[in-house]
Amino acid sequence: MKKKIPKFKTEVEEQEFWSKADSTEYIEWGKAKRMVLPKLKPSLKTISLRLPEAMLEELKLLANKRDVPYQSLLKMFLSERIEKEFKHV
């Protein structure tokens, strides 16, 4: 029998609890099912990135060919490369 998950008053209280608790004492992960949460938006952080002007112009040209904003194309490129790097580790 697994331990009962306590009720939390705030999200901060819940985060504090799970940062110290062993979830396997509370949840039977073998019975867990994958879920897709389509309306869940990832947390975003704005950054400043300095690029050579020529690189930025080339990125904009590629984005224009694909009919997407250049920032979105840059995120796609970064995502693909990060995934590739993790597969080679």
Protein backbone atom coordinates (compact mmCIF):
# COMPACT_ATOMS: atom_id res chain seq x y z
CA MET A 1 0.00 0.00 0.00
CA LYS A 2 1.34 3.39 -1.00
CA LYS A 3 1.40 6.43 1.24
CA LYS A 4 -1.40 8.96 0.84
CA ILE A 5 -0.40 12.19 -0.93
CA PRO A 6 -1.01 15.11 1.41
CA LYS A 7 -3.25 18.07 0.54
CA PHE A 8 -1.34 21.24 -0.24
CA LYS A 9 -2.42 24.81 0.42
CA THR A 10 -0.17 26.33 -2.24
CA GLU A 11 1.82 25.27 -5.27
CA VAL A 12 5.00 26.36 -3.48
CA GLU A 13 4.17 24.03 -0.59
CA GLU A 14 3.64 21.17 -3.05
CA GLN A 15 6.91 21.91 -4.85
CA GLU A 16 8.75 21.90 -1.53
CA PHE A 17 7.20 18.55 -0.60
CA TRP A 18 8.05 16.83 -3.91
CA SER A 19 11.59 18.23 -3.91
CA LYS A 20 12.27 16.13 -0.78
CA ALA A 21 9.84 13.20 -1.08
CA ASP A 22 10.48 9.93 -2.89
CA SER A 23 7.58 9.74 -5.34
CA THR A 24 7.81 5.95 -5.53
CA GLU A 25 6.49 5.83 -1.96
CA TYR A 26 3.31 7.60 -3.14
CA ILE A 27 2.79 6.64 -6.78
CA GLU A 28 2.85 3.29 -8.57
CA TRP A 29 4.78 4.40 -11.64
CA GLY A 30 4.40 0.98 -13.25
CA LYS A 31 0.68 1.67 -13.64
CA ALA A 32 1.17 5.21 -14.93
CA LYS A 33 -0.02 6.12 -18.41
CA ARG A 34 1.40 8.77 -20.74
CA MET A 35 -0.80 11.79 -21.30
CA VAL A 36 -0.74 14.59 -23.80
CA LEU A 37 -1.67 17.97 -22.38
CA PRO A 38 -2.22 20.04 -25.54
CA LYS A 39 -3.27 23.23 -23.77
CA LEU A 40 -0.28 23.24 -21.43
CA LYS A 41 2.11 25.98 -22.50
CA PRO A 42 5.81 25.68 -21.68
CA SER A 43 7.40 28.35 -19.55
CA LEU A 44 9.25 30.83 -21.70
CA LYS A 45 12.19 33.05 -20.89
CA THR A 46 13.22 35.98 -23.02
CA ILE A 47 16.92 36.12 -23.84
CA SER A 48 19.15 38.45 -25.74
CA LEU A 49 21.19 36.79 -28.47
CA ARG A 50 23.83 38.49 -30.55
CA LEU A 51 24.25 37.07 -34.04
CA PRO A 52 26.36 38.20 -36.96
CA GLU A 53 24.18 40.29 -39.27
CA ALA A 54 24.85 37.99 -42.22
CA MET A 55 23.71 34.96 -40.21
CA LEU A 56 20.53 36.76 -39.16
CA GLU A 57 19.78 37.74 -42.77
CA GLU A 58 20.30 34.14 -43.91
CA LEU A 59 18.02 32.93 -41.13
CA LYS A 60 15.34 35.39 -42.22
CA LEU A 61 15.65 34.22 -45.83
CA LEU A 62 15.24 30.58 -44.80
CA ALA A 63 12.29 31.48 -42.59
CA ASN A 64 10.67 33.40 -45.41
CA LYS A 65 11.00 30.36 -47.71
CA ARG A 66 9.26 28.23 -45.08
CA ASP A 67 6.70 30.95 -44.33
CA VAL A 68 7.47 31.03 -40.60
CA PRO A 69 8.81 33.80 -38.35
CA TYR A 70 12.59 33.68 -38.10
CA GLN A 71 12.43 33.36 -34.29
CA SER A 72 10.29 30.23 -34.68
CA LEU A 73 12.69 28.78 -37.21
CA LEU A 74 15.60 29.44 -34.86
CA LYS A 75 13.76 27.60 -32.06
CA MET A 76 13.10 24.68 -34.42
CA PHE A 77 16.79 24.51 -35.38
CA LEU A 78 17.88 24.66 -31.73
CA SER A 79 15.38 21.99 -30.72
CA GLU A 80 16.54 19.64 -33.49
CA ARG A 81 20.18 20.12 -32.58
CA ILE A 82 19.62 19.65 -28.85
CA GLU A 83 17.72 16.42 -29.52
CA LYS A 84 20.54 15.21 -31.79
CA GLU A 85 23.19 16.02 -29.17
CA PHE A 86 21.34 14.10 -26.46
CA LYS A 87 21.00 11.06 -28.71
CA HIS A 88 24.79 10.99 -29.18
CA VAL A 89 25.65 11.23 -25.48
